[in-house]
Amino acid sequence: PIDTEVISEQANDHAIRTALEAEGIAVTDDAYAAANAYAVACFAPDAYASIIWRLASNDAGIARRAYTRFHAEDRLAARGGIELRPGIADLIPALHARGLLLGLAANQPLRVVAELDSHGIGRYFAHREVSGHHGYRKPDVRIFLRACEDLQVDPEECVMVGDRIDTDAIIADVRAVMRTNE
């Protein structure tokens, strides 16, 4: 939860609407809000795919084409980088100063590590790998096991802090997930 993703989520919402409009589906604000609420309520493993599926009225062909269009656009680059949450630039060094080992476990491209460095907080992460380094993407438990290995700690000694229902909430108790996958 270092990144607010406000601009990113607005870009995602726009890209989904645009992809569906290309398929002849006009999306009202109420319909979009209902599809988003459904994705959250059912703990969709891919919230964007769930939103598109609902808005495409469960038409597999339309949903597949819209999802492909949605993913064809590099919205991360278009938004101009990460958006630090208020207070995070002070919190990360404070946690590090208390002796906590910090590690990244994010579904992000390689450039995010350099962006954290440019914001002055990257140096506080002892594990500096994201999915762009090794290909593991949350909720794949291997992204966390890789971080534990690099930090030289047991999974039982770790706490994962996340902010996304589709990739983080389903693994909120990372210790239990890691134990079941050993």
C-alpha atoms as a PDB file:
ATOM      1  CA  PRO A   1       0.000   0.000   0.000  1.00  0.00           C
ATOM      2  CA  ILE A   2       2.847   2.399  -0.782  1.00  0.00           C
ATOM      3  CA  ASP A   3       1.064   3.558  -3.934  1.00  0.00           C
ATOM      4  CA  THR A   4      -2.387   5.171  -3.753  1.00  0.00           C
ATOM      5  CA  GLU A   5      -3.097   4.080  -7.331  1.00  0.00           C
ATOM      6  CA  VAL A   6      -5.774   6.790  -7.622  1.00  0.00           C
ATOM      7  CA  ILE A   7      -4.656   7.917 -11.078  1.00  0.00           C
ATOM      8  CA  SER A   8      -4.007   4.306 -12.062  1.00  0.00           C
ATOM      9  CA  GLU A   9      -7.482   3.137 -11.052  1.00  0.00           C
ATOM     10  CA  GLN A  10      -9.085   6.053 -12.903  1.00  0.00           C
ATOM     11  CA  ALA A  11      -7.087   5.027 -15.985  1.00  0.00           C
ATOM     12  CA  ASN A  12      -8.179   1.400 -15.507  1.00  0.00           C
ATOM     13  CA  ASP A  13     -11.832   2.411 -15.199  1.00  0.00           C
ATOM     14  CA  HIS A  14     -11.544   4.510 -18.365  1.00  0.00           C
ATOM     15  CA  ALA A  15      -9.741   1.722 -20.245  1.00  0.00           C
ATOM     16  CA  ILE A  16     -12.428  -0.811 -19.288  1.00  0.00           C
ATOM     17  CA  ARG A  17     -15.204   1.519 -20.414  1.00  0.00           C
ATOM     18  CA  THR A  18     -13.377   2.280 -23.665  1.00  0.00           C
ATOM     19  CA  ALA A  19     -12.772  -1.425 -24.359  1.00  0.00           C
ATOM     20  CA  LEU A  20     -16.450  -2.210 -23.811  1.00  0.00           C
ATOM     21  CA  GLU A  21     -17.586   0.775 -25.876  1.00  0.00           C
ATOM     22  CA  ALA A  22     -15.491  -0.622 -28.756  1.00  0.00           C
ATOM     23  CA  GLU A  23     -17.703  -3.724 -28.430  1.00  0.00           C
ATOM     24  CA  GLY A  24     -20.875  -1.623 -28.589  1.00  0.00           C
ATOM     25  CA  ILE A  25     -21.580  -1.593 -24.854  1.00  0.00           C
ATOM     26  CA  ALA A  26     -22.268   1.768 -23.230  1.00  0.00           C
ATOM     27  CA  VAL A  27     -21.461   1.657 -19.518  1.00  0.00           C
ATOM     28  CA  THR A  28     -23.342   3.865 -17.077  1.00  0.00           C
ATOM     29  CA  ASP A  29     -21.769   4.983 -13.815  1.00  0.00           C
ATOM     30  CA  ASP A  30     -24.339   2.917 -11.888  1.00  0.00           C
ATOM     31  CA  ALA A  31     -23.627  -0.228 -13.923  1.00  0.00           C
ATOM     32  CA  TYR A  32     -19.883   0.216 -13.461  1.00  0.00           C
ATOM     33  CA  ALA A  33     -20.281   0.739  -9.705  1.00  0.00           C
ATOM     34  CA  ALA A  34     -22.457  -2.392  -9.452  1.00  0.00           C
ATOM     35  CA  ALA A  35     -19.944  -4.497 -11.426  1.00  0.00           C
ATOM     36  CA  ASN A  36     -17.099  -3.196  -9.242  1.00  0.00           C
ATOM     37  CA  ALA A  37     -19.062  -3.941  -6.051  1.00  0.00           C
ATOM     38  CA  TYR A  38     -19.730  -7.468  -7.337  1.00  0.00           C
ATOM     39  CA  ALA A  39     -16.020  -8.067  -8.028  1.00  0.00           C
ATOM     40  CA  VAL A  40     -15.183  -6.996  -4.473  1.00  0.00           C
ATOM     41  CA  ALA A  41     -18.042  -8.929  -2.848  1.00  0.00           C
ATOM     42  CA  CYS A  42     -17.103 -12.204  -4.522  1.00  0.00           C
ATOM     43  CA  PHE A  43     -13.334 -11.781  -3.954  1.00  0.00           C
ATOM     44  CA  ALA A  44     -12.727 -12.019  -7.707  1.00  0.00           C
ATOM     45  CA  PRO A  45      -9.197 -13.285  -8.418  1.00  0.00           C
ATOM     46  CA  ASP A  46      -8.986 -10.671 -11.203  1.00  0.00           C
ATOM     47  CA  ALA A  47     -11.228  -7.718 -10.386  1.00  0.00           C
ATOM     48  CA  TYR A  48     -10.858  -6.181 -13.839  1.00  0.00           C
ATOM     49  CA  ALA A  49     -11.845  -9.414 -15.602  1.00  0.00           C
ATOM     50  CA  SER A  50     -14.839  -9.729 -13.268  1.00  0.00           C
ATOM     51  CA  ILE A  51     -15.954  -6.152 -13.956  1.00  0.00           C
ATOM     52  CA  ILE A  52     -15.640  -6.673 -17.707  1.00  0.00           C
ATOM     53  CA  TRP A  53     -17.501  -9.998 -17.522  1.00  0.00           C
ATOM     54  CA  ARG A  54     -20.425  -8.447 -15.647  1.00  0.00           C
ATOM     55  CA  LEU A  55     -20.611  -5.417 -17.926  1.00  0.00           C
ATOM     56  CA  ALA A  56     -20.426  -7.667 -21.008  1.00  0.00           C
ATOM     57  CA  SER A  57     -23.544  -9.432 -19.673  1.00  0.00           C
ATOM     58  CA  ASN A  58     -21.589 -12.679 -19.372  1.00  0.00           C
ATOM     59  CA  ASP A  59     -20.893 -12.792 -23.137  1.00  0.00           C
ATOM     60  CA  ALA A  60     -17.571 -14.659 -23.340  1.00  0.00           C
ATOM     61  CA  GLY A  61     -16.610 -13.322 -26.778  1.00  0.00           C
ATOM     62  CA  ILE A  62     -17.220  -9.694 -25.891  1.00  0.00           C
ATOM     63  CA  ALA A  63     -15.555 -10.085 -22.491  1.00  0.00           C
ATOM     64  CA  ARG A  64     -12.469 -11.742 -24.003  1.00  0.00           C
ATOM     65  CA  ARG A  65     -12.042  -9.051 -26.686  1.00  0.00           C
ATOM     66  CA  ALA A  66     -12.622  -6.219 -24.192  1.00  0.00           C
ATOM     67  CA  TYR A  67     -10.162  -7.748 -21.716  1.00  0.00           C
ATOM     68  CA  THR A  68      -7.547  -8.064 -24.467  1.00  0.00           C
ATOM     69  CA  ARG A  69      -8.050  -4.385 -25.397  1.00  0.00           C
ATOM     70  CA  PHE A  70      -7.871  -3.399 -21.728  1.00  0.00           C
ATOM     71  CA  HIS A  71      -4.516  -5.155 -21.278  1.00  0.00           C
ATOM     72  CA  ALA A  72      -3.032  -3.850 -24.532  1.00  0.00           C
ATOM     73  CA  GLU A  73      -2.612  -0.380 -23.031  1.00  0.00           C
ATOM     74  CA  ASP A  74       0.319   0.452 -20.701  1.00  0.00           C
ATOM     75  CA  ARG A  75      -1.573   2.502 -18.135  1.00  0.00           C
ATOM     76  CA  LEU A  76       1.254   2.379 -15.567  1.00  0.00           C
ATOM     77  CA  ALA A  77       3.593   4.291 -17.861  1.00  0.00           C
ATOM     78  CA  ALA A  78       0.813   6.682 -18.867  1.00  0.00           C
ATOM     79  CA  ARG A  79       0.104   7.750 -15.290  1.00  0.00           C
ATOM     80  CA  GLY A  80       3.641   8.996 -14.766  1.00  0.00           C
ATOM     81  CA  GLY A  81       4.862   6.720 -11.990  1.00  0.00           C
ATOM     82  CA  ILE A  82       3.800   5.691  -8.531  1.00  0.00           C
ATOM     83  CA  GLU A  83       1.761   7.933  -6.246  1.00  0.00           C
ATOM     84  CA  LEU A  84       3.035   7.716  -2.671  1.00  0.00           C
ATOM     85  CA  ARG A  85       0.343   7.517  -0.017  1.00  0.00           C
ATOM     86  CA  PRO A  86       0.342  10.427   2.406  1.00  0.00           C
ATOM     87  CA  GLY A  87       2.818   9.781   5.230  1.00  0.00           C
ATOM     88  CA  ILE A  88       4.498   6.775   3.583  1.00  0.00           C
ATOM     89  CA  ALA A  89       7.762   8.686   2.967  1.00  0.00           C
ATOM     90  CA  ASP A  90       8.061   9.078   6.763  1.00  0.00           C
ATOM     91  CA  LEU A  91       6.671   5.678   7.741  1.00  0.00           C
ATOM     92  CA  ILE A  92       9.076   3.506   5.728  1.00  0.00           C
ATOM     93  CA  PRO A  93      12.281   4.982   7.240  1.00  0.00           C
ATOM     94  CA  ALA A  94      10.686   4.889  10.708  1.00  0.00           C
ATOM     95  CA  LEU A  95       9.906   1.165  10.362  1.00  0.00           C
ATOM     96  CA  HIS A  96      13.432   0.538   9.105  1.00  0.00           C
ATOM     97  CA  ALA A  97      14.877   2.514  12.043  1.00  0.00           C
ATOM     98  CA  ARG A  98      12.971   0.228  14.427  1.00  0.00           C
ATOM     99  CA  GLY A  99      14.891  -2.704  12.980  1.00  0.00           C
ATOM    100  CA  LEU A 100      12.156  -4.178  10.807  1.00  0.00           C
ATOM    101  CA  LEU A 101      13.294  -5.935   7.643  1.00  0.00           C
ATOM    102  CA  LEU A 102      11.224  -4.599   4.779  1.00  0.00           C
ATOM    103  CA  GLY A 103      10.650  -6.401   1.520  1.00  0.00           C
ATOM    104  CA  LEU A 104       8.676  -5.808  -1.629  1.00  0.00           C
ATOM    105  CA  ALA A 105       6.086  -8.296  -2.882  1.00  0.00           C
ATOM    106  CA  ALA A 106       4.327  -6.399  -5.641  1.00  0.00           C
ATOM    107  CA  ASN A 107       2.821  -7.091  -9.042  1.00  0.00           C
ATOM    108  CA  GLN A 108       4.884  -4.378 -10.664  1.00  0.00           C
ATOM    109  CA  PRO A 109       7.406  -3.918 -13.461  1.00  0.00           C
ATOM    110  CA  LEU A 110      11.126  -3.546 -12.727  1.00  0.00           C
ATOM    111  CA  ARG A 111      10.998   0.245 -13.023  1.00  0.00           C
ATOM    112  CA  VAL A 112       9.028   0.538  -9.773  1.00  0.00           C
ATOM    113  CA  VAL A 113      12.144  -0.201  -7.711  1.00  0.00           C
ATOM    114  CA  ALA A 114      13.925   2.760  -9.357  1.00  0.00           C
ATOM    115  CA  GLU A 115      10.855   4.901  -8.721  1.00  0.00           C
ATOM    116  CA  LEU A 116      10.949   4.014  -5.021  1.00  0.00           C
ATOM    117  CA  ASP A 117      14.641   5.010  -5.053  1.00  0.00           C
ATOM    118  CA  SER A 118      13.765   8.338  -6.674  1.00  0.00           C
ATOM    119  CA  HIS A 119      11.222   8.974  -3.908  1.00  0.00           C
ATOM    120  CA  GLY A 120      13.966   8.307  -1.340  1.00  0.00           C
ATOM    121  CA  ILE A 121      12.451   5.168   0.177  1.00  0.00           C
ATOM    122  CA  GLY A 122      13.802   2.344  -1.988  1.00  0.00           C
ATOM    123  CA  ARG A 123      16.960   2.003   0.054  1.00  0.00           C
ATOM    124  CA  TYR A 124      14.985   0.877   3.090  1.00  0.00           C
ATOM    125  CA  PHE A 125      13.872  -2.360   1.425  1.00  0.00           C
ATOM    126  CA  ALA A 126      16.218  -5.264   2.039  1.00  0.00           C
ATOM    127  CA  HIS A 127      14.288  -7.360  -0.495  1.00  0.00           C
ATOM    128  CA  ARG A 128      13.998  -5.273  -3.661  1.00  0.00           C
ATOM    129  CA  GLU A 129      12.339  -7.638  -6.108  1.00  0.00           C
ATOM    130  CA  VAL A 130       8.912  -7.314  -7.692  1.00  0.00           C
ATOM    131  CA  SER A 131       7.067  -9.550 -10.142  1.00  0.00           C
ATOM    132  CA  GLY A 132       9.020  -7.958 -12.997  1.00  0.00           C
ATOM    133  CA  HIS A 133      12.178  -9.599 -11.638  1.00  0.00           C
ATOM    134  CA  HIS A 134      11.049 -13.201 -11.316  1.00  0.00           C
ATOM    135  CA  GLY A 135       7.583 -13.456 -12.835  1.00  0.00           C
ATOM    136  CA  TYR A 136       5.717 -14.491  -9.681  1.00  0.00           C
ATOM    137  CA  ARG A 137       2.530 -12.476  -9.268  1.00  0.00           C
ATOM    138  CA  LYS A 138       0.289 -12.237  -6.240  1.00  0.00           C
ATOM    139  CA  PRO A 139      -1.603 -14.189  -5.120  1.00  0.00           C
ATOM    140  CA  ASP A 140       1.080 -16.780  -6.056  1.00  0.00           C
ATOM    141  CA  VAL A 141       2.655 -17.648  -2.690  1.00  0.00           C
ATOM    142  CA  ARG A 142       6.086 -17.960  -4.338  1.00  0.00           C
ATOM    143  CA  ILE A 143       6.415 -14.159  -4.447  1.00  0.00           C
ATOM    144  CA  PHE A 144       6.311 -14.193  -0.634  1.00  0.00           C
ATOM    145  CA  LEU A 145       8.528 -17.232  -0.245  1.00  0.00           C
ATOM    146  CA  ARG A 146      11.105 -15.512  -2.470  1.00  0.00           C
ATOM    147  CA  ALA A 147      10.993 -12.439  -0.210  1.00  0.00           C
ATOM    148  CA  CYS A 148      11.376 -14.611   2.920  1.00  0.00           C
ATOM    149  CA  GLU A 149      14.334 -16.403   1.383  1.00  0.00           C
ATOM    150  CA  ASP A 150      16.027 -13.142   0.464  1.00  0.00           C
ATOM    151  CA  LEU A 151      15.340 -11.639   3.899  1.00  0.00           C
ATOM    152  CA  GLN A 152      16.520 -14.892   5.545  1.00  0.00           C
ATOM    153  CA  VAL A 153      13.397 -15.198   7.676  1.00  0.00           C
ATOM    154  CA  ASP A 154      10.737 -17.864   8.158  1.00  0.00           C
ATOM    155  CA  PRO A 155       7.253 -17.140   6.811  1.00  0.00           C
ATOM    156  CA  GLU A 156       5.916 -17.288  10.394  1.00  0.00           C
ATOM    157  CA  GLU A 157       8.018 -14.221  11.194  1.00  0.00           C
ATOM    158  CA  CYS A 158       6.421 -12.111   8.446  1.00  0.00           C
ATOM    159  CA  VAL A 159       3.471  -9.829   8.047  1.00  0.00           C
ATOM    160  CA  MET A 160       2.104  -8.948   4.624  1.00  0.00           C
ATOM    161  CA  VAL A 161       0.351  -5.610   4.232  1.00  0.00           C
ATOM    162  CA  GLY A 162      -1.782  -5.233   1.126  1.00  0.00           C
ATOM    163  CA  ASP A 163      -4.495  -3.059  -0.298  1.00  0.00           C
ATOM    164  CA  ARG A 164      -6.178  -5.001  -3.115  1.00  0.00           C
ATOM    165  CA  ILE A 165      -9.104  -7.370  -2.719  1.00  0.00           C
ATOM    166  CA  ASP A 166      -8.214  -9.340  -5.843  1.00  0.00           C
ATOM    167  CA  THR A 167      -4.587 -10.061  -5.002  1.00  0.00           C
ATOM    168  CA  ASP A 168      -4.040  -9.329  -1.325  1.00  0.00           C
ATOM    169  CA  ALA A 169      -7.157 -10.065   0.719  1.00  0.00           C
ATOM    170  CA  ILE A 170      -7.222 -13.711  -0.258  1.00  0.00           C
ATOM    171  CA  ILE A 171      -3.754 -14.091   1.234  1.00  0.00           C
ATOM    172  CA  ALA A 172      -4.112 -11.739   4.180  1.00  0.00           C
ATOM    173  CA  ASP A 173      -2.807 -14.408   6.547  1.00  0.00           C
ATOM    174  CA  VAL A 174       0.323 -15.125   4.549  1.00  0.00           C
ATOM    175  CA  ARG A 175       1.694 -17.433   7.223  1.00  0.00           C
ATOM    176  CA  ALA A 176      -1.263 -19.802   6.890  1.00  0.00           C
ATOM    177  CA  VAL A 177      -1.071 -19.746   3.111  1.00  0.00           C
ATOM    178  CA  MET A 178       2.647 -20.439   3.162  1.00  0.00           C
ATOM    179  CA  ARG A 179       2.225 -23.305   5.613  1.00  0.00           C
ATOM    180  CA  THR A 180      -0.385 -24.972   3.391  1.00  0.00           C
ATOM    181  CA  ASN A 181       1.889 -24.664   0.356  1.00  0.00           C
ATOM    182  CA  GLU A 182       5.106 -26.016   1.884  1.00  0.00           C
END
